[in-house]
Amino acid sequence: MPVKAKGFWLSIEAIACLTLLGMLLATEVQVEEPSMLDLHLFKKENDLLLAWAKGFGNLTEADMEKMFSEAFPGKSGEIFVDGKKIAVGRPGKESVAAGAKFFGGNLELHELRLVVFK
């Protein structure tokens, strides 16, 4: 192969690579618009967990379900109390979750987790 032919093929390869790079840079990347919904749900979850932790000994599962329904009308979720799961509605695919660990009156460790499906 003559020396000039090698340079010709390298030029074709460089042109093809630059064309591909240009096409990749020209494509639009679809960016999701930032939403405050997740932050709002997370804040409400933390407020609800705080209320449940303060009145932990006096709350029943029915009370927790009722408070969940009032805080998140039309939403479904899961409540975990020391590993026990309480389902409210049907589970979904996307969710926002929050959790809290605290000590009870006799210094026993309790864990609350709350998952809200969008």
C-alpha atoms as a PDB file:
ATOM      1  CA  MET A   1       0.000   0.000   0.000  1.00  0.00           C
ATOM      2  CA  PRO A   2       1.515   3.346  -0.988  1.00  0.00           C
ATOM      3  CA  VAL A   3       2.158   5.943   1.675  1.00  0.00           C
ATOM      4  CA  LYS A   4      -0.429   8.342   0.249  1.00  0.00           C
ATOM      5  CA  ALA A   5      -3.185   5.678   0.497  1.00  0.00           C
ATOM      6  CA  LYS A   6      -2.665   5.319   4.262  1.00  0.00           C
ATOM      7  CA  GLY A   7      -3.197   9.026   4.744  1.00  0.00           C
ATOM      8  CA  PHE A   8      -6.370   8.891   2.659  1.00  0.00           C
ATOM      9  CA  TRP A   9      -7.911   6.191   4.877  1.00  0.00           C
ATOM     10  CA  LEU A  10      -6.915   8.010   8.056  1.00  0.00           C
ATOM     11  CA  SER A  11      -8.613  11.159   6.735  1.00  0.00           C
ATOM     12  CA  ILE A  12     -11.826   9.238   5.959  1.00  0.00           C
ATOM     13  CA  GLU A  13     -11.774   7.711   9.466  1.00  0.00           C
ATOM     14  CA  ALA A  14     -11.242  11.125  11.070  1.00  0.00           C
ATOM     15  CA  ILE A  15     -14.116  12.633   9.067  1.00  0.00           C
ATOM     16  CA  ALA A  16     -16.426   9.778  10.088  1.00  0.00           C
ATOM     17  CA  CYS A  17     -15.465  10.145  13.764  1.00  0.00           C
ATOM     18  CA  LEU A  18     -15.969  13.912  13.730  1.00  0.00           C
ATOM     19  CA  THR A  19     -19.353  13.487  12.006  1.00  0.00           C
ATOM     20  CA  LEU A  20     -20.454  10.962  14.639  1.00  0.00           C
ATOM     21  CA  LEU A  21     -19.233  13.254  17.431  1.00  0.00           C
ATOM     22  CA  GLY A  22     -21.137  16.179  15.925  1.00  0.00           C
ATOM     23  CA  MET A  23     -24.330  14.135  15.710  1.00  0.00           C
ATOM     24  CA  LEU A  24     -23.989  13.031  19.336  1.00  0.00           C
ATOM     25  CA  LEU A  25     -23.441  16.589  20.520  1.00  0.00           C
ATOM     26  CA  ALA A  26     -26.393  17.845  18.474  1.00  0.00           C
ATOM     27  CA  THR A  27     -28.914  15.443  20.035  1.00  0.00           C
ATOM     28  CA  GLU A  28     -31.077  16.911  22.751  1.00  0.00           C
ATOM     29  CA  VAL A  29     -30.931  15.308  26.146  1.00  0.00           C
ATOM     30  CA  GLN A  30     -34.355  15.096  27.698  1.00  0.00           C
ATOM     31  CA  VAL A  31     -34.083  16.499  31.183  1.00  0.00           C
ATOM     32  CA  GLU A  32     -36.791  16.004  33.774  1.00  0.00           C
ATOM     33  CA  GLU A  33     -38.075  19.251  35.191  1.00  0.00           C
ATOM     34  CA  PRO A  34     -37.294  19.560  38.892  1.00  0.00           C
ATOM     35  CA  SER A  35     -40.327  19.089  41.056  1.00  0.00           C
ATOM     36  CA  MET A  36     -40.956  20.078  44.629  1.00  0.00           C
ATOM     37  CA  LEU A  37     -43.456  17.221  45.043  1.00  0.00           C
ATOM     38  CA  ASP A  38     -40.842  14.793  46.405  1.00  0.00           C
ATOM     39  CA  LEU A  39     -39.572  17.346  48.906  1.00  0.00           C
ATOM     40  CA  HIS A  40     -43.133  18.169  49.981  1.00  0.00           C
ATOM     41  CA  LEU A  41     -43.971  14.470  50.496  1.00  0.00           C
ATOM     42  CA  PHE A  42     -40.734  13.930  52.430  1.00  0.00           C
ATOM     43  CA  LYS A  43     -41.462  16.869  54.739  1.00  0.00           C
ATOM     44  CA  LYS A  44     -44.993  15.617  55.423  1.00  0.00           C
ATOM     45  CA  GLU A  45     -43.643  12.120  56.100  1.00  0.00           C
ATOM     46  CA  ASN A  46     -41.144  13.443  58.618  1.00  0.00           C
ATOM     47  CA  ASP A  47     -43.830  15.493  60.369  1.00  0.00           C
ATOM     48  CA  LEU A  48     -46.073  12.428  60.601  1.00  0.00           C
ATOM     49  CA  LEU A  49     -43.230  10.265  61.919  1.00  0.00           C
ATOM     50  CA  LEU A  50     -42.490  12.870  64.580  1.00  0.00           C
ATOM     51  CA  ALA A  51     -46.148  12.898  65.676  1.00  0.00           C
ATOM     52  CA  TRP A  52     -46.206   9.098  65.829  1.00  0.00           C
ATOM     53  CA  ALA A  53     -42.964   8.979  67.834  1.00  0.00           C
ATOM     54  CA  LYS A  54     -44.309  11.460  70.402  1.00  0.00           C
ATOM     55  CA  GLY A  55     -47.494   9.449  71.001  1.00  0.00           C
ATOM     56  CA  PHE A  56     -46.040   6.010  70.286  1.00  0.00           C
ATOM     57  CA  GLY A  57     -47.453   4.134  73.288  1.00  0.00           C
ATOM     58  CA  ASN A  58     -50.987   5.494  72.817  1.00  0.00           C
ATOM     59  CA  LEU A  59     -51.393   4.878  69.064  1.00  0.00           C
ATOM     60  CA  THR A  60     -53.008   1.850  67.450  1.00  0.00           C
ATOM     61  CA  GLU A  61     -52.581   0.643  63.873  1.00  0.00           C
ATOM     62  CA  ALA A  62     -56.014   2.061  63.033  1.00  0.00           C
ATOM     63  CA  ASP A  63     -54.954   5.475  64.380  1.00  0.00           C
ATOM     64  CA  MET A  64     -51.816   5.407  62.243  1.00  0.00           C
ATOM     65  CA  GLU A  65     -53.776   4.448  59.126  1.00  0.00           C
ATOM     66  CA  LYS A  66     -56.270   7.244  59.799  1.00  0.00           C
ATOM     67  CA  MET A  67     -53.511   9.826  60.289  1.00  0.00           C
ATOM     68  CA  PHE A  68     -51.810   8.609  57.086  1.00  0.00           C
ATOM     69  CA  SER A  69     -55.049   8.979  55.118  1.00  0.00           C
ATOM     70  CA  GLU A  70     -55.556  12.491  56.480  1.00  0.00           C
ATOM     71  CA  ALA A  71     -51.970  13.558  55.708  1.00  0.00           C
ATOM     72  CA  PHE A  72     -51.871  11.969  52.250  1.00  0.00           C
ATOM     73  CA  PRO A  73     -55.397  11.941  50.809  1.00  0.00           C
ATOM     74  CA  GLY A  74     -55.724   9.752  47.727  1.00  0.00           C
ATOM     75  CA  LYS A  75     -52.245   8.225  48.158  1.00  0.00           C
ATOM     76  CA  SER A  76     -51.280   4.724  49.167  1.00  0.00           C
ATOM     77  CA  GLY A  77     -48.332   3.674  51.259  1.00  0.00           C
ATOM     78  CA  GLU A  78     -46.752   1.363  53.757  1.00  0.00           C
ATOM     79  CA  ILE A  79     -46.083   1.905  57.441  1.00  0.00           C
ATOM     80  CA  PHE A  80     -43.438  -0.157  59.211  1.00  0.00           C
ATOM     81  CA  VAL A  81     -43.548  -0.261  63.011  1.00  0.00           C
ATOM     82  CA  ASP A  82     -40.616  -2.186  64.529  1.00  0.00           C
ATOM     83  CA  GLY A  83     -40.468  -4.364  61.405  1.00  0.00           C
ATOM     84  CA  LYS A  84     -44.223  -5.004  61.180  1.00  0.00           C
ATOM     85  CA  LYS A  85     -45.762  -3.826  57.913  1.00  0.00           C
ATOM     86  CA  ILE A  86     -49.090  -2.015  57.694  1.00  0.00           C
ATOM     87  CA  ALA A  87     -50.253  -1.484  54.115  1.00  0.00           C
ATOM     88  CA  VAL A  88     -52.502   1.441  53.221  1.00  0.00           C
ATOM     89  CA  GLY A  89     -53.912   1.061  49.707  1.00  0.00           C
ATOM     90  CA  ARG A  90     -52.129  -0.588  46.810  1.00  0.00           C
ATOM     91  CA  PRO A  91     -48.364  -0.336  46.299  1.00  0.00           C
ATOM     92  CA  GLY A  92     -47.023   1.643  43.368  1.00  0.00           C
ATOM     93  CA  LYS A  93     -43.750   1.827  41.479  1.00  0.00           C
ATOM     94  CA  GLU A  94     -42.350   5.217  42.488  1.00  0.00           C
ATOM     95  CA  SER A  95     -42.195   6.173  46.133  1.00  0.00           C
ATOM     96  CA  VAL A  96     -40.758   8.555  48.696  1.00  0.00           C
ATOM     97  CA  ALA A  97     -39.645   7.051  51.998  1.00  0.00           C
ATOM     98  CA  ALA A  98     -38.612   8.334  55.417  1.00  0.00           C
ATOM     99  CA  GLY A  99     -37.674   6.635  58.646  1.00  0.00           C
ATOM    100  CA  ALA A 100     -37.072   7.363  62.309  1.00  0.00           C
ATOM    101  CA  LYS A 101     -35.453   5.530  65.194  1.00  0.00           C
ATOM    102  CA  PHE A 102     -36.150   6.550  68.760  1.00  0.00           C
ATOM    103  CA  PHE A 103     -36.086   5.248  72.322  1.00  0.00           C
ATOM    104  CA  GLY A 104     -39.330   4.534  74.176  1.00  0.00           C
ATOM    105  CA  GLY A 105     -40.173   5.075  77.826  1.00  0.00           C
ATOM    106  CA  ASN A 106     -38.185   2.038  79.018  1.00  0.00           C
ATOM    107  CA  LEU A 107     -35.243   2.923  76.734  1.00  0.00           C
ATOM    108  CA  GLU A 108     -36.185   0.271  74.185  1.00  0.00           C
ATOM    109  CA  LEU A 109     -35.293   1.092  70.586  1.00  0.00           C
ATOM    110  CA  HIS A 110     -38.208   1.570  68.173  1.00  0.00           C
ATOM    111  CA  GLU A 111     -38.135   2.073  64.420  1.00  0.00           C
ATOM    112  CA  LEU A 112     -40.779   3.706  62.261  1.00  0.00           C
ATOM    113  CA  ARG A 113     -40.627   3.825  58.470  1.00  0.00           C
ATOM    114  CA  LEU A 114     -43.104   5.385  56.109  1.00  0.00           C
ATOM    115  CA  VAL A 115     -43.310   4.844  52.350  1.00  0.00           C
ATOM    116  CA  VAL A 116     -45.688   6.974  50.240  1.00  0.00           C
ATOM    117  CA  PHE A 117     -46.376   5.899  46.677  1.00  0.00           C
ATOM    118  CA  LYS A 118     -46.815   8.659  44.104  1.00  0.00           C
END
